[in-house]
Amino acid sequence: MSFDVEASQREVVGMTVLSLSECELAWESPSPAASLSMGEALGRLLRPGDLVALFGELGSGKTLLVRGVAAGLGCLAEDVHSPSFTLVNEYPCRGGAASGRARTGCALAHIDLYRIRSADEVPGIGWDEYMDARYVVLVEWAERAAGWLPKDHLRVRLETRGPERRRVCAQATGPRAGRVLRGWVGQLDVPLEAG
């Protein structure tokens, strides 16, 4: 039996290589405390200019995850609440031990699009201002900002699995988000599932 090197090279050239932007990673969060810790781990990795798009039903834990991210950024997590009526809440990042580095001039913009009726309303909330590089942006109900999300962002979907359990599904849409996702998963001690 002979080995056809040319045929072998053609097969390798035709092989599909998936990146994190083409696949979804998923894992379970057993409790609200675990979801908060997962958010904090993510917050420690985010930097100004990053956007996390959050998806999930009402009560799936999006705001809880934002609280964790806020803590990881050095914001006061207890100050974080859903901006459903105001649409946007801003929180200064204080840096320090929680974030592991100084965050001078950085702010968390927590955007909740639950109350908007269409993507046409997105510019009216000051969207372009929040895309400025001094903000870390988390967007709840991000599907309502279709067409406005930057090309490179992290997508996180939360699914209710019981009173306290949540399935977390994450996907990177670009190189920076891919680095954040790899770092996030690397910090978590959870078994990954098929997305």
N, C-alpha and C. Protein backbone atom coordinates (compact mmCIF):
# COMPACT_ATOMS: atom_id res chain seq x y z
N MET A 1 0.84 -1.17 0.00
CA MET A 1 0.00 0.00 0.00
C MET A 1 0.89 1.23 0.00
N SER A 2 0.64 2.16 -0.91
CA SER A 2 1.46 3.37 -0.98
C SER A 2 0.68 4.56 -0.46
N PHE A 3 1.41 5.53 0.01
CA PHE A 3 0.81 6.75 0.55
C PHE A 3 0.92 7.84 -0.49
N ASP A 4 -0.19 8.39 -0.90
CA ASP A 4 -0.22 9.44 -1.93
C ASP A 4 -0.12 10.81 -1.25
N VAL A 5 1.11 11.36 -1.23
CA VAL A 5 1.36 12.64 -0.56
C VAL A 5 0.53 13.75 -1.18
N GLU A 6 0.44 13.79 -2.49
CA GLU A 6 -0.32 14.86 -3.15
C GLU A 6 -1.80 14.82 -2.74
N ALA A 7 -2.39 13.63 -2.71
CA ALA A 7 -3.80 13.51 -2.31
C ALA A 7 -3.95 13.91 -0.84
N SER A 8 -2.98 13.53 -0.01
CA SER A 8 -3.03 13.87 1.41
C SER A 8 -2.98 15.39 1.60
N GLN A 9 -2.14 16.08 0.83
CA GLN A 9 -2.04 17.53 0.94
C GLN A 9 -3.34 18.20 0.50
N ARG A 10 -3.99 17.66 -0.52
CA ARG A 10 -5.26 18.23 -0.96
C ARG A 10 -6.30 18.13 0.14
N GLU A 11 -6.32 17.01 0.85
CA GLU A 11 -7.29 16.83 1.92
C GLU A 11 -7.04 17.83 3.06
N VAL A 12 -5.79 18.05 3.41
CA VAL A 12 -5.46 18.99 4.49
C VAL A 12 -5.83 20.41 4.08
N VAL A 13 -5.55 20.76 2.84
CA VAL A 13 -5.89 22.11 2.36
C VAL A 13 -7.40 22.32 2.41
N GLY A 14 -8.18 21.29 2.15
CA GLY A 14 -9.62 21.40 2.14
C GLY A 14 -10.25 21.28 3.52
N MET A 15 -9.44 21.05 4.55
CA MET A 15 -9.95 20.85 5.90
C MET A 15 -10.53 22.16 6.46
N THR A 16 -11.60 22.06 7.19
CA THR A 16 -12.21 23.21 7.83
C THR A 16 -11.63 23.37 9.23
N VAL A 17 -11.11 24.53 9.52
CA VAL A 17 -10.57 24.83 10.84
C VAL A 17 -11.51 25.84 11.50
N LEU A 18 -12.05 25.47 12.63
CA LEU A 18 -12.97 26.35 13.34
C LEU A 18 -12.21 27.25 14.30
N SER A 19 -12.63 28.48 14.40
CA SER A 19 -12.09 29.39 15.41
C SER A 19 -13.19 29.62 16.44
N LEU A 20 -12.86 30.33 17.52
CA LEU A 20 -13.87 30.59 18.54
C LEU A 20 -15.01 31.44 18.00
N SER A 21 -14.78 32.17 16.90
CA SER A 21 -15.86 32.97 16.34
C SER A 21 -16.83 32.11 15.54
N GLU A 22 -16.48 30.85 15.34
CA GLU A 22 -17.35 29.98 14.56
C GLU A 22 -17.98 28.88 15.41
N CYS A 23 -17.70 28.87 16.70
CA CYS A 23 -18.30 27.86 17.56
C CYS A 23 -18.74 28.52 18.87
N GLU A 24 -19.57 27.82 19.57
CA GLU A 24 -20.10 28.32 20.83
C GLU A 24 -19.64 27.39 21.94
N LEU A 25 -19.19 27.97 23.04
CA LEU A 25 -18.82 27.18 24.20
C LEU A 25 -19.95 27.31 25.22
N ALA A 26 -20.24 26.23 25.93
CA ALA A 26 -21.35 26.25 26.89
C ALA A 26 -20.96 25.49 28.14
N TRP A 27 -21.52 25.93 29.25
CA TRP A 27 -21.31 25.29 30.53
C TRP A 27 -22.46 25.63 31.45
N GLU A 28 -22.54 24.93 32.58
CA GLU A 28 -23.63 25.15 33.55
C GLU A 28 -23.14 25.99 34.72
N SER A 29 -24.01 26.83 35.21
CA SER A 29 -23.80 27.54 36.47
C SER A 29 -24.80 26.95 37.45
N PRO A 30 -24.33 26.37 38.55
CA PRO A 30 -25.25 25.70 39.47
C PRO A 30 -26.03 26.62 40.40
N SER A 31 -25.59 27.89 40.53
CA SER A 31 -26.23 28.76 41.50
C SER A 31 -26.00 30.22 41.16
N PRO A 32 -26.79 31.12 41.77
CA PRO A 32 -26.54 32.55 41.58
C PRO A 32 -25.14 32.96 42.02
N ALA A 33 -24.64 32.37 43.10
CA ALA A 33 -23.28 32.70 43.57
C ALA A 33 -22.24 32.31 42.53
N ALA A 34 -22.44 31.16 41.89
CA ALA A 34 -21.50 30.73 40.85
C ALA A 34 -21.59 31.66 39.64
N SER A 35 -22.80 32.09 39.28
CA SER A 35 -22.96 33.02 38.15
C SER A 35 -22.28 34.35 38.45
N LEU A 36 -22.39 34.81 39.68
CA LEU A 36 -21.74 36.05 40.10
C LEU A 36 -20.22 35.91 39.97
N SER A 37 -19.68 34.78 40.42
CA SER A 37 -18.24 34.52 40.32
C SER A 37 -17.79 34.44 38.87
N MET A 38 -18.61 33.82 38.03
CA MET A 38 -18.27 33.74 36.60
C MET A 38 -18.22 35.14 35.99
N GLY A 39 -19.17 35.98 36.37
CA GLY A 39 -19.17 37.35 35.88
C GLY A 39 -17.94 38.11 36.35
N GLU A 40 -17.56 37.89 37.61
CA GLU A 40 -16.38 38.56 38.15
C GLU A 40 -15.12 38.14 37.38
N ALA A 41 -15.02 36.85 37.07
CA ALA A 41 -13.87 36.37 36.29
C ALA A 41 -13.84 37.04 34.92
N LEU A 42 -14.99 37.18 34.29
CA LEU A 42 -15.06 37.86 33.00
C LEU A 42 -14.67 39.33 33.14
N GLY A 43 -15.17 39.98 34.17
CA GLY A 43 -14.86 41.40 34.38
C GLY A 43 -13.37 41.67 34.51
N ARG A 44 -12.64 40.75 35.14
CA ARG A 44 -11.20 40.93 35.29
C ARG A 44 -10.48 40.93 33.95
N LEU A 45 -11.11 40.37 32.92
CA LEU A 45 -10.48 40.26 31.60
C LEU A 45 -10.85 41.40 30.65
N LEU A 46 -11.94 42.09 30.95
CA LEU A 46 -12.43 43.12 30.03
C LEU A 46 -11.64 44.41 30.18
N ARG A 47 -11.58 45.14 29.07
CA ARG A 47 -10.90 46.44 29.08
C ARG A 47 -11.75 47.43 28.30
N PRO A 48 -11.49 48.72 28.47
CA PRO A 48 -12.27 49.72 27.73
C PRO A 48 -12.26 49.42 26.23
N GLY A 49 -13.45 49.56 25.62
CA GLY A 49 -13.62 49.24 24.21
C GLY A 49 -14.26 47.89 23.98
N ASP A 50 -14.31 47.04 25.01
CA ASP A 50 -14.94 45.72 24.89
C ASP A 50 -16.44 45.83 25.05
N LEU A 51 -17.18 45.00 24.31
CA LEU A 51 -18.63 44.94 24.43
C LEU A 51 -19.04 43.49 24.60
N VAL A 52 -19.92 43.26 25.59
CA VAL A 52 -20.50 41.94 25.82
C VAL A 52 -21.99 42.06 25.56
N ALA A 53 -22.48 41.28 24.60
CA ALA A 53 -23.90 41.26 24.24
C ALA A 53 -24.56 40.13 25.01
N LEU A 54 -25.57 40.46 25.81
CA LEU A 54 -26.25 39.47 26.65
C LEU A 54 -27.63 39.13 26.10
N PHE A 55 -27.91 37.84 26.06
CA PHE A 55 -29.17 37.33 25.54
C PHE A 55 -29.77 36.41 26.58
N GLY A 56 -31.08 36.34 26.66
CA GLY A 56 -31.74 35.43 27.59
C GLY A 56 -33.11 35.96 27.96
N GLU A 57 -33.95 35.05 28.38
CA GLU A 57 -35.31 35.40 28.79
C GLU A 57 -35.29 36.28 30.04
N LEU A 58 -36.40 36.90 30.32
CA LEU A 58 -36.58 37.67 31.54
C LEU A 58 -36.30 36.75 32.73
N GLY A 59 -35.48 37.19 33.66
CA GLY A 59 -35.17 36.38 34.85
C GLY A 59 -34.10 35.33 34.65
N SER A 60 -33.40 35.36 33.52
CA SER A 60 -32.38 34.34 33.27
C SER A 60 -31.04 34.63 33.94
N GLY A 61 -30.88 35.82 34.51
CA GLY A 61 -29.65 36.12 35.25
C GLY A 61 -28.70 37.08 34.56
N LYS A 62 -29.20 37.83 33.57
CA LYS A 62 -28.33 38.78 32.86
C LYS A 62 -27.80 39.87 33.80
N THR A 63 -28.68 40.46 34.59
CA THR A 63 -28.24 41.53 35.49
C THR A 63 -27.32 40.99 36.58
N LEU A 64 -27.56 39.78 37.05
CA LEU A 64 -26.67 39.15 38.03
C LEU A 64 -25.27 38.99 37.45
N LEU A 65 -25.19 38.54 36.21
CA LEU A 65 -23.89 38.40 35.55
C LEU A 65 -23.20 39.77 35.43
N VAL A 66 -23.98 40.81 35.11
CA VAL A 66 -23.42 42.17 35.03
C VAL A 66 -22.87 42.59 36.39
N ARG A 67 -23.55 42.25 37.48
CA ARG A 67 -23.05 42.57 38.82
C ARG A 67 -21.67 41.95 39.04
N GLY A 68 -21.53 40.70 38.61
CA GLY A 68 -20.23 40.03 38.74
C GLY A 68 -19.17 40.71 37.90
N VAL A 69 -19.51 41.06 36.66
CA VAL A 69 -18.56 41.76 35.79
C VAL A 69 -18.15 43.08 36.45
N ALA A 70 -19.12 43.79 37.00
CA ALA A 70 -18.83 45.06 37.67
C ALA A 70 -17.82 44.85 38.80
N ALA A 71 -18.02 43.82 39.59
CA ALA A 71 -17.08 43.54 40.68
C ALA A 71 -15.68 43.26 40.12
N GLY A 72 -15.61 42.50 39.04
CA GLY A 72 -14.32 42.19 38.42
C GLY A 72 -13.63 43.41 37.85
N LEU A 73 -14.40 44.40 37.46
CA LEU A 73 -13.85 45.65 36.94
C LEU A 73 -13.46 46.62 38.06
N GLY A 74 -13.89 46.33 39.27
CA GLY A 74 -13.61 47.22 40.39
C GLY A 74 -14.72 48.19 40.68
N CYS A 75 -15.89 47.97 40.09
CA CYS A 75 -17.06 48.80 40.40
C CYS A 75 -17.73 48.24 41.66
N LEU A 76 -18.59 49.01 42.25
CA LEU A 76 -19.34 48.52 43.41
C LEU A 76 -20.52 47.68 42.90
N ALA A 77 -20.40 46.38 43.03
CA ALA A 77 -21.41 45.46 42.49
C ALA A 77 -22.79 45.71 43.09
N GLU A 78 -22.83 46.10 44.37
CA GLU A 78 -24.13 46.32 45.01
C GLU A 78 -24.87 47.52 44.41
N ASP A 79 -24.18 48.39 43.71
CA ASP A 79 -24.82 49.54 43.05
C ASP A 79 -25.50 49.15 41.73
N VAL A 80 -25.14 47.98 41.19
CA VAL A 80 -25.64 47.57 39.87
C VAL A 80 -27.08 47.10 39.97
N HIS A 81 -27.94 47.69 39.17
CA HIS A 81 -29.33 47.25 39.04
C HIS A 81 -29.74 47.40 37.58
N SER A 82 -30.79 46.73 37.22
CA SER A 82 -31.23 46.74 35.83
C SER A 82 -31.68 48.14 35.41
N PRO A 83 -31.12 48.63 34.29
CA PRO A 83 -31.53 49.95 33.81
C PRO A 83 -32.72 49.87 32.86
N SER A 84 -33.70 49.01 33.16
CA SER A 84 -34.85 48.83 32.26
C SER A 84 -35.59 50.13 31.98
N PHE A 85 -35.68 51.01 32.97
CA PHE A 85 -36.44 52.25 32.76
C PHE A 85 -35.55 53.39 32.28
N THR A 86 -34.30 53.40 32.72
CA THR A 86 -33.39 54.47 32.30
C THR A 86 -32.63 54.10 31.03
N LEU A 87 -32.64 52.85 30.65
CA LEU A 87 -31.95 52.25 29.50
C LEU A 87 -30.45 52.11 29.69
N VAL A 88 -29.79 53.07 30.36
CA VAL A 88 -28.34 52.99 30.55
C VAL A 88 -27.97 53.42 31.96
N ASN A 89 -27.13 52.63 32.61
CA ASN A 89 -26.51 53.02 33.87
C ASN A 89 -25.01 52.99 33.67
N GLU A 90 -24.33 53.98 34.21
CA GLU A 90 -22.87 54.03 34.15
C GLU A 90 -22.31 53.84 35.55
N TYR A 91 -21.22 53.08 35.63
CA TYR A 91 -20.56 52.83 36.90
C TYR A 91 -19.07 53.08 36.72
N PRO A 92 -18.45 53.92 37.55
CA PRO A 92 -17.00 54.14 37.43
C PRO A 92 -16.24 52.90 37.90
N CYS A 93 -15.18 52.57 37.21
CA CYS A 93 -14.31 51.46 37.61
C CYS A 93 -13.24 52.02 38.53
N ARG A 94 -13.15 51.44 39.69
CA ARG A 94 -12.20 51.95 40.67
C ARG A 94 -10.88 51.21 40.65
N GLY A 95 -10.80 50.12 39.89
CA GLY A 95 -9.56 49.35 39.88
C GLY A 95 -9.35 48.67 41.21
N GLY A 96 -8.11 48.46 41.55
CA GLY A 96 -7.80 47.88 42.84
C GLY A 96 -7.73 46.37 42.82
N ALA A 97 -7.86 45.77 43.99
CA ALA A 97 -7.65 44.33 44.15
C ALA A 97 -8.63 43.50 43.35
N ALA A 98 -9.88 43.93 43.27
CA ALA A 98 -10.88 43.12 42.56
C ALA A 98 -10.54 42.95 41.10
N SER A 99 -10.04 44.01 40.47
CA SER A 99 -9.77 43.92 39.04
C SER A 99 -8.34 43.51 38.75
N GLY A 100 -7.47 43.62 39.74
CA GLY A 100 -6.09 43.23 39.52
C GLY A 100 -5.26 44.29 38.82
N ARG A 101 -5.83 45.43 38.46
CA ARG A 101 -5.09 46.52 37.80
C ARG A 101 -5.88 47.81 37.91
N ALA A 102 -5.18 48.89 37.72
CA ALA A 102 -5.84 50.20 37.79
C ALA A 102 -6.74 50.39 36.58
N ARG A 103 -7.88 51.03 36.79
CA ARG A 103 -8.85 51.27 35.71
C ARG A 103 -9.14 52.77 35.62
N THR A 104 -8.13 53.59 35.75
CA THR A 104 -8.34 55.03 35.73
C THR A 104 -9.03 55.45 34.44
N GLY A 105 -10.10 56.22 34.58
CA GLY A 105 -10.80 56.74 33.41
C GLY A 105 -11.73 55.75 32.75
N CYS A 106 -11.82 54.55 33.27
CA CYS A 106 -12.69 53.51 32.70
C CYS A 106 -14.05 53.55 33.38
N ALA A 107 -15.08 53.26 32.62
CA ALA A 107 -16.42 53.15 33.19
C ALA A 107 -17.14 51.96 32.57
N LEU A 108 -18.03 51.39 33.33
CA LEU A 108 -18.91 50.32 32.84
C LEU A 108 -20.20 50.97 32.39
N ALA A 109 -20.60 50.73 31.16
CA ALA A 109 -21.91 51.16 30.66
C ALA A 109 -22.79 49.92 30.58
N HIS A 110 -23.84 49.91 31.39
CA HIS A 110 -24.79 48.79 31.45
C HIS A 110 -26.05 49.25 30.71
N ILE A 111 -26.26 48.68 29.54
CA ILE A 111 -27.36 49.08 28.67
C ILE A 111 -28.42 47.98 28.67
N ASP A 112 -29.67 48.36 28.86
CA ASP A 112 -30.78 47.41 28.85
C ASP A 112 -31.78 47.86 27.79
N LEU A 113 -31.91 47.08 26.73
CA LEU A 113 -32.76 47.46 25.59
C LEU A 113 -34.15 46.84 25.65
N TYR A 114 -34.55 46.32 26.81
CA TYR A 114 -35.85 45.65 26.95
C TYR A 114 -37.01 46.55 26.52
N ARG A 115 -36.94 47.82 26.82
CA ARG A 115 -38.06 48.73 26.58
C ARG A 115 -38.06 49.39 25.20
N ILE A 116 -37.02 49.19 24.40
CA ILE A 116 -37.08 49.82 23.08
C ILE A 116 -37.94 48.97 22.15
N ARG A 117 -38.57 49.62 21.20
CA ARG A 117 -39.49 48.92 20.30
C ARG A 117 -38.80 48.41 19.03
N SER A 118 -37.74 49.11 18.60
CA SER A 118 -37.04 48.67 17.38
C SER A 118 -35.59 49.14 17.41
N ALA A 119 -34.78 48.55 16.56
CA ALA A 119 -33.36 48.93 16.46
C ALA A 119 -33.20 50.38 16.03
N ASP A 120 -34.23 50.96 15.43
CA ASP A 120 -34.16 52.38 15.04
C ASP A 120 -34.01 53.31 16.24
N GLU A 121 -34.38 52.84 17.43
CA GLU A 121 -34.29 53.66 18.64
C GLU A 121 -32.90 53.62 19.28
N VAL A 122 -32.05 52.70 18.85
CA VAL A 122 -30.73 52.53 19.46
C VAL A 122 -29.89 53.82 19.44
N PRO A 123 -29.80 54.54 18.33
CA PRO A 123 -28.98 55.76 18.36
C PRO A 123 -29.47 56.80 19.37
N GLY A 124 -30.75 56.81 19.66
CA GLY A 124 -31.34 57.79 20.56
C GLY A 124 -30.92 57.64 22.02
N ILE A 125 -30.30 56.52 22.38
CA ILE A 125 -29.85 56.35 23.77
C ILE A 125 -28.40 56.79 23.94
N GLY A 126 -27.81 57.35 22.88
CA GLY A 126 -26.40 57.75 22.94
C GLY A 126 -25.45 56.61 22.63
N TRP A 127 -25.91 55.66 21.83
CA TRP A 127 -25.15 54.45 21.51
C TRP A 127 -23.71 54.75 21.09
N ASP A 128 -23.54 55.71 20.18
CA ASP A 128 -22.18 56.01 19.69
C ASP A 128 -21.26 56.46 20.81
N GLU A 129 -21.78 57.20 21.77
CA GLU A 129 -20.97 57.64 22.90
C GLU A 129 -20.46 56.45 23.70
N TYR A 130 -21.29 55.43 23.86
CA TYR A 130 -20.89 54.27 24.65
C TYR A 130 -19.95 53.33 23.89
N MET A 131 -19.86 53.51 22.60
CA MET A 131 -18.91 52.71 21.83
C MET A 131 -17.51 53.32 21.91
N ASP A 132 -17.38 54.42 22.64
CA ASP A 132 -16.11 55.09 22.87
C ASP A 132 -15.18 54.15 23.66
N ALA A 133 -13.91 54.24 23.41
CA ALA A 133 -12.94 53.32 24.01
C ALA A 133 -12.77 53.47 25.52
N ARG A 134 -13.43 54.42 26.16
CA ARG A 134 -13.27 54.51 27.63
C ARG A 134 -14.29 53.66 28.37
N TYR A 135 -15.23 53.06 27.68
CA TYR A 135 -16.27 52.24 28.32
C TYR A 135 -16.05 50.75 28.08
N VAL A 136 -16.36 49.96 29.10
CA VAL A 136 -16.64 48.54 28.93
C VAL A 136 -18.16 48.51 28.87
N VAL A 137 -18.73 47.89 27.83
CA VAL A 137 -20.17 47.94 27.61
C VAL A 137 -20.78 46.54 27.72
N LEU A 138 -21.84 46.43 28.52
CA LEU A 138 -22.63 45.21 28.60
C LEU A 138 -24.05 45.57 28.18
N VAL A 139 -24.59 44.83 27.22
CA VAL A 139 -25.89 45.14 26.64
C VAL A 139 -26.85 43.98 26.89
N GLU A 140 -27.87 44.22 27.72
CA GLU A 140 -28.94 43.24 27.90
C GLU A 140 -29.95 43.40 26.77
N TRP A 141 -30.54 42.28 26.35
CA TRP A 141 -31.49 42.26 25.24
C TRP A 141 -30.80 42.76 23.97
N ALA A 142 -29.57 42.29 23.76
CA ALA A 142 -28.73 42.75 22.66
C ALA A 142 -29.32 42.45 21.28
N GLU A 143 -30.23 41.49 21.20
CA GLU A 143 -30.86 41.20 19.90
C GLU A 143 -31.63 42.41 19.37
N ARG A 144 -31.97 43.32 20.25
CA ARG A 144 -32.72 44.52 19.84
C ARG A 144 -31.79 45.59 19.26
N ALA A 145 -30.50 45.34 19.29
CA ALA A 145 -29.53 46.26 18.71
C ALA A 145 -28.95 45.68 17.43
N ALA A 146 -29.72 44.82 16.77
CA ALA A 146 -29.25 44.19 15.53
C ALA A 146 -28.74 45.27 14.58
N GLY A 147 -27.56 45.05 14.06
CA GLY A 147 -26.97 46.00 13.14
C GLY A 147 -26.15 47.09 13.82
N TRP A 148 -26.23 47.22 15.12
CA TRP A 148 -25.50 48.25 15.85
C TRP A 148 -24.33 47.69 16.64
N LEU A 149 -24.30 46.39 16.87
CA LEU A 149 -23.22 45.79 17.64
C LEU A 149 -21.92 45.85 16.84
N PRO A 150 -20.79 46.10 17.51
CA PRO A 150 -19.52 46.12 16.78
C PRO A 150 -19.19 44.73 16.24
N LYS A 151 -18.36 44.69 15.24
CA LYS A 151 -18.01 43.41 14.62
C LYS A 151 -17.35 42.46 15.62
N ASP A 152 -16.51 42.98 16.49
CA ASP A 152 -15.77 42.17 17.45
C ASP A 152 -16.39 42.36 18.83
N HIS A 153 -17.19 41.40 19.27
CA HIS A 153 -17.78 41.44 20.61
C HIS A 153 -18.01 40.02 21.11
N LEU A 154 -18.25 39.91 22.40
CA LEU A 154 -18.54 38.62 23.03
C LEU A 154 -20.05 38.48 23.18
N ARG A 155 -20.58 37.36 22.74
CA ARG A 155 -22.02 37.08 22.86
C ARG A 155 -22.20 36.06 23.98
N VAL A 156 -23.05 36.37 24.96
CA VAL A 156 -23.32 35.45 26.07
C VAL A 156 -24.83 35.27 26.18
N ARG A 157 -25.26 34.02 26.08
CA ARG A 157 -26.69 33.68 26.20
C ARG A 157 -26.88 32.88 27.48
N LEU A 158 -27.86 33.28 28.27
CA LEU A 158 -28.18 32.59 29.51
C LEU A 158 -29.51 31.87 29.35
N GLU A 159 -29.52 30.59 29.72
CA GLU A 159 -30.74 29.78 29.62
C GLU A 159 -31.08 29.25 31.00
N THR A 160 -32.33 29.38 31.40
CA THR A 160 -32.79 28.89 32.70
C THR A 160 -32.91 27.37 32.65
N ARG A 161 -32.28 26.70 33.63
CA ARG A 161 -32.32 25.23 33.73
C ARG A 161 -33.00 24.77 35.00
N GLY A 162 -33.50 25.68 35.78
CA GLY A 162 -34.14 25.37 37.05
C GLY A 162 -34.17 26.64 37.87
N PRO A 163 -34.64 26.56 39.12
CA PRO A 163 -34.76 27.77 39.92
C PRO A 163 -33.43 28.52 40.08
N GLU A 164 -32.32 27.80 40.15
CA GLU A 164 -31.02 28.46 40.35
C GLU A 164 -30.02 28.15 39.25
N ARG A 165 -30.19 27.05 38.55
CA ARG A 165 -29.22 26.63 37.53
C ARG A 165 -29.41 27.41 36.23
N ARG A 166 -28.29 27.73 35.60
CA ARG A 166 -28.30 28.41 34.31
C ARG A 166 -27.30 27.75 33.38
N ARG A 167 -27.63 27.71 32.13
CA ARG A 167 -26.68 27.29 31.10
C ARG A 167 -26.13 28.57 30.50
N VAL A 168 -24.81 28.67 30.44
CA VAL A 168 -24.13 29.83 29.88
C VAL A 168 -23.55 29.42 28.54
N CYS A 169 -23.91 30.12 27.48
CA CYS A 169 -23.40 29.84 26.13
C CYS A 169 -22.67 31.09 25.67
N ALA A 170 -21.43 30.95 25.25
CA ALA A 170 -20.63 32.11 24.87
C ALA A 170 -19.99 31.91 23.50
N GLN A 171 -19.94 33.00 22.75
CA GLN A 171 -19.35 32.96 21.41
C GLN A 171 -18.62 34.28 21.16
N ALA A 172 -17.42 34.18 20.62
CA ALA A 172 -16.65 35.35 20.24
C ALA A 172 -16.94 35.67 18.77
N THR A 173 -17.00 36.95 18.43
CA THR A 173 -17.26 37.33 17.05
C THR A 173 -16.05 37.98 16.39
N GLY A 174 -14.93 38.00 17.08
CA GLY A 174 -13.72 38.60 16.52
C GLY A 174 -12.51 38.23 17.36
N PRO A 175 -11.32 38.71 16.96
CA PRO A 175 -10.09 38.30 17.64
C PRO A 175 -9.99 38.75 19.10
N ARG A 176 -10.35 39.97 19.41
CA ARG A 176 -10.28 40.43 20.81
C ARG A 176 -11.26 39.63 21.67
N ALA A 177 -12.49 39.46 21.20
CA ALA A 177 -13.48 38.68 21.94
C ALA A 177 -13.02 37.24 22.09
N GLY A 178 -12.32 36.71 21.10
CA GLY A 178 -11.78 35.35 21.18
C GLY A 178 -10.77 35.22 22.30
N ARG A 179 -9.90 36.22 22.45
CA ARG A 179 -8.92 36.20 23.54
C ARG A 179 -9.63 36.28 24.90
N VAL A 180 -10.65 37.13 24.98
CA VAL A 180 -11.40 37.25 26.24
C VAL A 180 -12.09 35.92 26.56
N LEU A 181 -12.73 35.31 25.57
CA LEU A 181 -13.43 34.05 25.81
C LEU A 181 -12.46 32.94 26.24
N ARG A 182 -11.32 32.84 25.57
CA ARG A 182 -10.33 31.82 25.98
C ARG A 182 -9.87 32.07 27.41
N GLY A 183 -9.61 33.33 27.74
CA GLY A 183 -9.19 33.64 29.10
C GLY A 183 -10.27 33.34 30.12
N TRP A 184 -11.51 33.65 29.78
CA TRP A 184 -12.64 33.42 30.69
C TRP A 184 -12.81 31.93 30.97
N VAL A 185 -12.87 31.15 29.92
CA VAL A 185 -13.04 29.70 30.08
C VAL A 185 -11.86 29.11 30.84
N GLY A 186 -10.66 29.66 30.59
CA GLY A 186 -9.47 29.19 31.30
C GLY A 186 -9.53 29.43 32.80
N GLN A 187 -10.24 30.46 33.23
CA GLN A 187 -10.36 30.78 34.66
C GLN A 187 -11.44 29.98 35.36
N LEU A 188 -12.38 29.45 34.60
CA LEU A 188 -13.52 28.75 35.19
C LEU A 188 -13.20 27.28 35.40
N ASP A 189 -13.64 26.74 36.48
CA ASP A 189 -13.46 25.31 36.76
C ASP A 189 -14.79 24.61 36.49
N VAL A 190 -15.17 24.59 35.20
CA VAL A 190 -16.45 23.99 34.81
C VAL A 190 -16.23 23.10 33.59
N PRO A 191 -16.95 22.00 33.50
CA PRO A 191 -16.87 21.18 32.29
C PRO A 191 -17.63 21.89 31.16
N LEU A 192 -17.04 21.91 29.98
CA LEU A 192 -17.69 22.51 28.83
C LEU A 192 -18.62 21.51 28.17
N GLU A 193 -19.70 22.02 27.59
CA GLU A 193 -20.67 21.21 26.87
C GLU A 193 -20.57 21.57 25.40
N ALA A 194 -21.21 20.77 24.57
CA ALA A 194 -21.34 21.14 23.16
C ALA A 194 -22.30 22.31 23.10
N GLY A 195 -21.96 23.37 22.31
CA GLY A 195 -22.82 24.54 22.18
C GLY A 195 -24.02 24.20 21.41
